[in-house]
């Protein structure tokens, strides 16, 4: 009864983790790219507001235009910011992180498309 317990078997997650230089480089490049894409999407969203120039209260839904503009201009910054917030702890703990900015880029493009689609749909 006084015997020591056996040592737990080594698992794939125990011990030291090796940082992949390729993953670190890809994460940094993709994060910078996600910020550049968000800048471009914000600019494109601001230009998309010009679609509403011929609008009158009788022909356009201004609430929908406001929602679409919010997504196309401001909402595109949510994925890159969340991408940095998620990727940094993954890099610090030496986990694979290249997928985080990749998802952020896809989400930024999706939000931009949704915003411009809402703006276009609100124009009567």
N, C-alpha and C. Protein backbone atom coordinates (compact mmCIF):
# COMPACT_ATOMS: atom_id res chain seq x y z
N UNK A 1 0.81 -1.19 0.00
CA UNK A 1 0.00 0.00 0.00
C UNK A 1 0.85 1.26 0.00
N UNK A 2 2.10 1.17 0.44
CA UNK A 2 2.95 2.35 0.47
C UNK A 2 3.82 2.47 -0.78
N UNK A 3 3.46 1.74 -1.81
CA UNK A 3 4.23 1.80 -3.05
C UNK A 3 3.94 3.11 -3.77
N UNK A 4 4.94 3.69 -4.40
CA UNK A 4 4.69 4.93 -5.17
C UNK A 4 3.88 4.60 -6.43
N UNK A 5 3.10 5.55 -6.84
CA UNK A 5 2.32 5.38 -8.06
C UNK A 5 3.24 5.42 -9.27
N UNK A 6 2.89 4.66 -10.31
CA UNK A 6 3.75 4.69 -11.50
C UNK A 6 3.67 6.05 -12.18
N UNK A 7 4.75 6.39 -12.87
CA UNK A 7 4.80 7.65 -13.60
C UNK A 7 3.83 7.59 -14.78
N UNK A 8 3.13 8.69 -15.06
CA UNK A 8 2.24 8.67 -16.22
C UNK A 8 3.05 8.58 -17.52
N UNK A 9 2.45 7.94 -18.48
CA UNK A 9 3.12 7.79 -19.78
C UNK A 9 3.23 9.15 -20.47
N UNK A 10 4.30 9.33 -21.19
CA UNK A 10 4.49 10.59 -21.92
C UNK A 10 3.49 10.64 -23.07
N UNK A 11 2.87 11.78 -23.20
CA UNK A 11 1.90 11.95 -24.28
C UNK A 11 2.46 12.93 -25.31
N UNK A 12 1.74 13.06 -26.38
CA UNK A 12 2.19 13.96 -27.45
C UNK A 12 2.15 15.42 -27.01
N UNK A 13 1.32 15.74 -26.02
CA UNK A 13 1.21 17.13 -25.59
C UNK A 13 2.10 17.45 -24.40
N UNK A 14 2.74 16.46 -23.80
CA UNK A 14 3.59 16.75 -22.65
C UNK A 14 5.00 17.08 -23.12
N UNK A 15 5.77 17.66 -22.23
CA UNK A 15 7.14 18.01 -22.57
C UNK A 15 7.22 19.35 -23.26
N UNK A 16 8.35 19.57 -23.88
CA UNK A 16 8.54 20.85 -24.55
C UNK A 16 7.99 20.79 -25.96
N UNK A 17 7.46 21.90 -26.39
CA UNK A 17 6.94 22.00 -27.75
C UNK A 17 7.98 22.74 -28.59
N UNK A 18 8.13 22.30 -29.81
CA UNK A 18 9.03 22.99 -30.71
C UNK A 18 8.25 24.00 -31.53
N UNK A 19 8.77 25.19 -31.62
CA UNK A 19 8.13 26.21 -32.44
C UNK A 19 8.57 26.01 -33.89
N UNK A 20 7.60 25.96 -34.76
CA UNK A 20 7.89 25.86 -36.18
C UNK A 20 8.14 27.27 -36.72
N UNK A 21 9.29 27.47 -37.30
CA UNK A 21 9.62 28.78 -37.87
C UNK A 21 8.67 29.08 -39.03
N UNK A 22 8.31 28.06 -39.78
CA UNK A 22 7.38 28.26 -40.90
C UNK A 22 6.02 28.71 -40.39
N UNK A 23 5.55 28.11 -39.30
CA UNK A 23 4.25 28.51 -38.74
C UNK A 23 4.32 29.94 -38.21
N UNK A 24 5.39 30.28 -37.53
CA UNK A 24 5.55 31.64 -37.02
C UNK A 24 5.57 32.65 -38.16
N UNK A 25 6.36 32.37 -39.19
CA UNK A 25 6.43 33.28 -40.34
C UNK A 25 5.10 33.38 -41.07
N UNK A 26 4.45 32.25 -41.28
CA UNK A 26 3.15 32.27 -41.97
C UNK A 26 2.11 33.02 -41.17
N UNK A 27 2.12 32.85 -39.86
CA UNK A 27 1.14 33.55 -39.02
C UNK A 27 1.37 35.06 -39.07
N UNK A 28 2.61 35.49 -39.01
CA UNK A 28 2.91 36.93 -39.06
C UNK A 28 2.52 37.51 -40.42
N UNK A 29 2.89 36.83 -41.50
CA UNK A 29 2.56 37.33 -42.84
C UNK A 29 1.05 37.35 -43.06
N UNK A 30 0.36 36.29 -42.67
CA UNK A 30 -1.10 36.23 -42.85
C UNK A 30 -1.82 37.24 -41.97
N UNK A 31 -1.29 37.51 -40.77
CA UNK A 31 -1.91 38.53 -39.92
C UNK A 31 -1.75 39.91 -40.55
N UNK A 32 -0.57 40.20 -41.06
CA UNK A 32 -0.38 41.49 -41.76
C UNK A 32 -1.29 41.57 -42.98
N UNK A 33 -1.42 40.48 -43.71
CA UNK A 33 -2.30 40.45 -44.87
C UNK A 33 -3.76 40.66 -44.47
N UNK A 34 -4.17 40.09 -43.34
CA UNK A 34 -5.56 40.28 -42.89
C UNK A 34 -5.84 41.74 -42.55
N UNK A 35 -4.85 42.44 -42.04
CA UNK A 35 -5.02 43.87 -41.74
C UNK A 35 -5.10 44.67 -43.03
N UNK A 36 -4.27 44.34 -44.01
CA UNK A 36 -4.31 45.03 -45.31
C UNK A 36 -5.65 44.77 -46.00
N UNK A 37 -6.14 43.55 -45.93
CA UNK A 37 -7.43 43.22 -46.54
C UNK A 37 -8.55 43.97 -45.83
N UNK A 38 -8.48 44.10 -44.51
CA UNK A 38 -9.49 44.86 -43.78
C UNK A 38 -9.47 46.33 -44.18
N UNK A 39 -8.28 46.89 -44.39
CA UNK A 39 -8.18 48.28 -44.88
C UNK A 39 -8.84 48.43 -46.25
N UNK A 40 -8.54 47.51 -47.14
CA UNK A 40 -9.14 47.55 -48.47
C UNK A 40 -10.64 47.36 -48.43
N UNK A 41 -11.10 46.45 -47.57
CA UNK A 41 -12.54 46.21 -47.45
C UNK A 41 -13.24 47.43 -46.86
N UNK A 42 -12.60 48.08 -45.91
CA UNK A 42 -13.19 49.29 -45.33
C UNK A 42 -13.31 50.38 -46.39
N UNK A 43 -12.30 50.54 -47.20
CA UNK A 43 -12.33 51.53 -48.28
C UNK A 43 -13.42 51.18 -49.28
N UNK A 44 -13.50 49.91 -49.67
CA UNK A 44 -14.53 49.48 -50.61
C UNK A 44 -15.92 49.68 -50.02
N UNK A 45 -16.09 49.41 -48.74
CA UNK A 45 -17.38 49.63 -48.09
C UNK A 45 -17.77 51.09 -48.07
N UNK A 46 -16.78 51.96 -47.85
CA UNK A 46 -17.07 53.40 -47.86
C UNK A 46 -17.47 53.85 -49.26
N UNK A 47 -16.84 53.29 -50.28
CA UNK A 47 -17.22 53.64 -51.65
C UNK A 47 -18.59 53.07 -52.01
N UNK A 48 -18.95 51.94 -51.42
CA UNK A 48 -20.25 51.33 -51.71
C UNK A 48 -21.40 52.19 -51.23
N UNK A 49 -21.16 53.05 -50.29
CA UNK A 49 -22.21 53.95 -49.80
C UNK A 49 -22.66 54.88 -50.91
N UNK A 50 -21.79 55.13 -51.89
CA UNK A 50 -22.18 56.00 -53.00
C UNK A 50 -23.29 55.38 -53.85
N UNK A 51 -23.55 54.11 -53.68
CA UNK A 51 -24.67 53.49 -54.37
C UNK A 51 -26.00 54.11 -53.94
N UNK A 52 -26.00 54.73 -52.77
CA UNK A 52 -27.24 55.28 -52.22
C UNK A 52 -27.49 56.72 -52.63
N UNK A 53 -26.68 57.28 -53.51
CA UNK A 53 -26.86 58.68 -53.93
C UNK A 53 -28.25 59.00 -54.45
N UNK A 54 -28.87 58.15 -55.27
CA UNK A 54 -30.20 58.50 -55.79
C UNK A 54 -31.35 58.18 -54.83
N UNK A 55 -31.05 57.82 -53.60
CA UNK A 55 -32.09 57.38 -52.67
C UNK A 55 -32.95 58.54 -52.16
N UNK A 56 -34.22 58.23 -51.99
CA UNK A 56 -35.16 59.11 -51.30
C UNK A 56 -35.83 58.26 -50.23
N UNK A 57 -36.48 58.88 -49.24
CA UNK A 57 -37.16 58.07 -48.22
C UNK A 57 -38.22 57.13 -48.80
N UNK A 58 -38.74 57.44 -49.95
CA UNK A 58 -39.76 56.58 -50.55
C UNK A 58 -39.16 55.39 -51.30
N UNK A 59 -37.90 55.50 -51.71
CA UNK A 59 -37.33 54.44 -52.55
C UNK A 59 -36.30 53.57 -51.85
N UNK A 60 -35.80 53.97 -50.69
CA UNK A 60 -34.72 53.21 -50.04
C UNK A 60 -35.04 52.97 -48.56
N UNK A 61 -34.47 51.88 -48.05
CA UNK A 61 -34.59 51.55 -46.63
C UNK A 61 -33.30 52.01 -45.94
N UNK A 62 -33.37 53.15 -45.26
CA UNK A 62 -32.16 53.74 -44.68
C UNK A 62 -31.64 52.95 -43.48
N UNK A 63 -32.50 52.24 -42.78
CA UNK A 63 -32.02 51.40 -41.68
C UNK A 63 -31.15 50.26 -42.21
N UNK A 64 -31.59 49.65 -43.29
CA UNK A 64 -30.80 48.58 -43.89
C UNK A 64 -29.48 49.13 -44.45
N UNK A 65 -29.53 50.32 -44.99
CA UNK A 65 -28.29 50.95 -45.49
C UNK A 65 -27.33 51.18 -44.33
N UNK A 66 -27.84 51.62 -43.19
CA UNK A 66 -26.99 51.82 -42.01
C UNK A 66 -26.36 50.51 -41.54
N UNK A 67 -27.15 49.44 -41.53
CA UNK A 67 -26.63 48.13 -41.11
C UNK A 67 -25.55 47.65 -42.09
N UNK A 68 -25.84 47.75 -43.38
CA UNK A 68 -24.87 47.33 -44.39
C UNK A 68 -23.59 48.14 -44.33
N UNK A 69 -23.74 49.45 -44.11
CA UNK A 69 -22.56 50.31 -44.00
C UNK A 69 -21.75 49.95 -42.76
N UNK A 70 -22.44 49.67 -41.67
CA UNK A 70 -21.74 49.27 -40.44
C UNK A 70 -20.93 48.00 -40.64
N UNK A 71 -21.51 47.03 -41.34
CA UNK A 71 -20.78 45.79 -41.61
C UNK A 71 -19.62 46.02 -42.58
N UNK A 72 -19.89 46.77 -43.65
CA UNK A 72 -18.90 46.92 -44.71
C UNK A 72 -17.75 47.85 -44.33
N UNK A 73 -17.99 48.78 -43.41
CA UNK A 73 -16.94 49.73 -43.04
C UNK A 73 -16.33 49.39 -41.68
N UNK A 74 -17.15 49.10 -40.69
CA UNK A 74 -16.64 48.85 -39.34
C UNK A 74 -16.53 47.38 -38.98
N UNK A 75 -17.47 46.58 -39.45
CA UNK A 75 -17.49 45.17 -39.08
C UNK A 75 -16.32 44.37 -39.61
N UNK A 76 -15.69 44.86 -40.67
CA UNK A 76 -14.56 44.14 -41.25
C UNK A 76 -13.33 44.16 -40.34
N UNK A 77 -13.33 44.98 -39.30
CA UNK A 77 -12.19 45.03 -38.38
C UNK A 77 -12.31 44.01 -37.26
N UNK A 78 -13.48 43.43 -37.07
CA UNK A 78 -13.65 42.45 -35.99
C UNK A 78 -12.79 41.20 -36.21
N UNK A 79 -12.82 40.57 -37.39
CA UNK A 79 -12.00 39.36 -37.57
C UNK A 79 -10.49 39.57 -37.41
N UNK A 80 -9.88 40.62 -37.98
CA UNK A 80 -8.44 40.77 -37.76
C UNK A 80 -8.07 41.01 -36.30
N UNK A 81 -8.89 41.79 -35.60
CA UNK A 81 -8.59 42.04 -34.18
C UNK A 81 -8.71 40.74 -33.38
N UNK A 82 -9.79 39.99 -33.61
CA UNK A 82 -9.94 38.70 -32.93
C UNK A 82 -8.83 37.74 -33.34
N UNK A 83 -8.40 37.83 -34.60
CA UNK A 83 -7.31 36.98 -35.06
C UNK A 83 -6.02 37.21 -34.29
N UNK A 84 -5.71 38.47 -34.04
CA UNK A 84 -4.51 38.79 -33.25
C UNK A 84 -4.67 38.31 -31.82
N UNK A 85 -5.86 38.53 -31.25
CA UNK A 85 -6.12 38.13 -29.86
C UNK A 85 -6.00 36.62 -29.69
N UNK A 86 -6.40 35.85 -30.70
CA UNK A 86 -6.33 34.39 -30.60
C UNK A 86 -4.94 33.88 -31.01
N UNK A 87 -4.32 34.46 -32.02
CA UNK A 87 -3.05 33.94 -32.54
C UNK A 87 -1.89 34.16 -31.58
N UNK A 88 -1.85 35.28 -30.90
CA UNK A 88 -0.71 35.57 -30.02
C UNK A 88 -0.57 34.52 -28.90
N UNK A 89 -1.65 34.21 -28.16
CA UNK A 89 -1.48 33.16 -27.14
C UNK A 89 -1.12 31.80 -27.73
N UNK A 90 -1.63 31.50 -28.92
CA UNK A 90 -1.24 30.23 -29.55
C UNK A 90 0.25 30.22 -29.88
N UNK A 91 0.77 31.34 -30.36
CA UNK A 91 2.20 31.40 -30.66
C UNK A 91 3.04 31.34 -29.39
N UNK A 92 2.57 31.99 -28.34
CA UNK A 92 3.32 31.98 -27.08
C UNK A 92 3.39 30.57 -26.51
N UNK A 93 2.30 29.82 -26.63
CA UNK A 93 2.29 28.45 -26.12
C UNK A 93 2.80 27.45 -27.15
N UNK A 94 3.34 27.95 -28.24
CA UNK A 94 3.97 27.15 -29.29
C UNK A 94 3.01 26.16 -29.95
N UNK A 95 1.81 26.61 -30.17
CA UNK A 95 0.83 25.81 -30.90
C UNK A 95 0.70 26.35 -32.32
N UNK A 96 0.18 25.53 -33.20
CA UNK A 96 0.01 25.94 -34.60
C UNK A 96 -1.01 27.07 -34.66
N UNK A 97 -0.67 28.16 -35.35
CA UNK A 97 -1.54 29.34 -35.36
C UNK A 97 -1.79 29.91 -36.74
N UNK A 98 -1.24 29.34 -37.79
CA UNK A 98 -1.40 29.93 -39.13
C UNK A 98 -2.85 29.97 -39.56
N UNK A 99 -3.66 29.06 -39.05
CA UNK A 99 -5.06 28.98 -39.46
C UNK A 99 -5.88 30.15 -38.94
N UNK A 100 -5.45 30.79 -37.85
CA UNK A 100 -6.24 31.87 -37.25
C UNK A 100 -6.35 33.07 -38.20
N UNK A 101 -5.25 33.62 -38.72
CA UNK A 101 -5.42 34.73 -39.66
C UNK A 101 -6.08 34.31 -40.98
N UNK A 102 -5.95 33.04 -41.34
CA UNK A 102 -6.63 32.56 -42.54
C UNK A 102 -8.14 32.63 -42.36
N UNK A 103 -8.62 32.20 -41.20
CA UNK A 103 -10.05 32.30 -40.89
C UNK A 103 -10.46 33.77 -40.81
N UNK A 104 -9.59 34.61 -40.25
CA UNK A 104 -9.90 36.05 -40.15
C UNK A 104 -10.05 36.68 -41.54
N UNK A 105 -9.21 36.29 -42.47
CA UNK A 105 -9.32 36.81 -43.83
C UNK A 105 -10.64 36.39 -44.46
N UNK A 106 -10.99 35.11 -44.32
CA UNK A 106 -12.25 34.62 -44.88
C UNK A 106 -13.45 35.33 -44.25
N UNK A 107 -13.40 35.54 -42.94
CA UNK A 107 -14.51 36.23 -42.25
C UNK A 107 -14.60 37.69 -42.67
N UNK A 108 -13.46 38.34 -42.88
CA UNK A 108 -13.47 39.73 -43.34
C UNK A 108 -14.12 39.84 -44.71
N UNK A 109 -13.75 38.95 -45.61
CA UNK A 109 -14.35 38.97 -46.95
C UNK A 109 -15.85 38.69 -46.87
N UNK A 110 -16.24 37.73 -46.03
CA UNK A 110 -17.67 37.41 -45.88
C UNK A 110 -18.46 38.59 -45.33
N UNK A 111 -17.90 39.29 -44.33
CA UNK A 111 -18.59 40.46 -43.77
C UNK A 111 -18.70 41.58 -44.80
N UNK A 112 -17.67 41.77 -45.60
CA UNK A 112 -17.72 42.80 -46.64
C UNK A 112 -18.79 42.48 -47.68
N UNK A 113 -18.82 41.23 -48.12
CA UNK A 113 -19.84 40.82 -49.09
C UNK A 113 -21.24 40.98 -48.50
N UNK A 114 -21.41 40.59 -47.24
CA UNK A 114 -22.72 40.74 -46.60
C UNK A 114 -23.13 42.20 -46.50
N UNK A 115 -22.20 43.06 -46.10
CA UNK A 115 -22.51 44.48 -45.97
C UNK A 115 -22.89 45.13 -47.28
N UNK A 116 -22.12 44.85 -48.33
CA UNK A 116 -22.41 45.44 -49.64
C UNK A 116 -23.71 44.87 -50.20
N UNK A 117 -23.98 43.60 -49.94
CA UNK A 117 -25.24 43.00 -50.39
C UNK A 117 -26.43 43.65 -49.70
N UNK A 118 -26.31 43.93 -48.41
CA UNK A 118 -27.39 44.60 -47.68
C UNK A 118 -27.60 46.01 -48.23
N UNK A 119 -26.51 46.72 -48.48
CA UNK A 119 -26.63 48.07 -49.05
C UNK A 119 -27.33 48.01 -50.41
N UNK A 120 -26.90 47.08 -51.25
CA UNK A 120 -27.50 46.97 -52.59
C UNK A 120 -28.97 46.59 -52.51
N UNK A 121 -29.31 45.72 -51.57
CA UNK A 121 -30.70 45.30 -51.43
C UNK A 121 -31.61 46.39 -50.88
N UNK A 122 -31.04 47.35 -50.18
CA UNK A 122 -31.84 48.42 -49.58
C UNK A 122 -32.19 49.52 -50.57
N UNK A 123 -31.56 49.47 -51.72
CA UNK A 123 -31.81 50.50 -52.73
C UNK A 123 -32.99 50.06 -53.59
N UNK A 124 -34.02 50.88 -53.60
CA UNK A 124 -35.25 50.50 -54.32
C UNK A 124 -35.21 50.91 -55.68
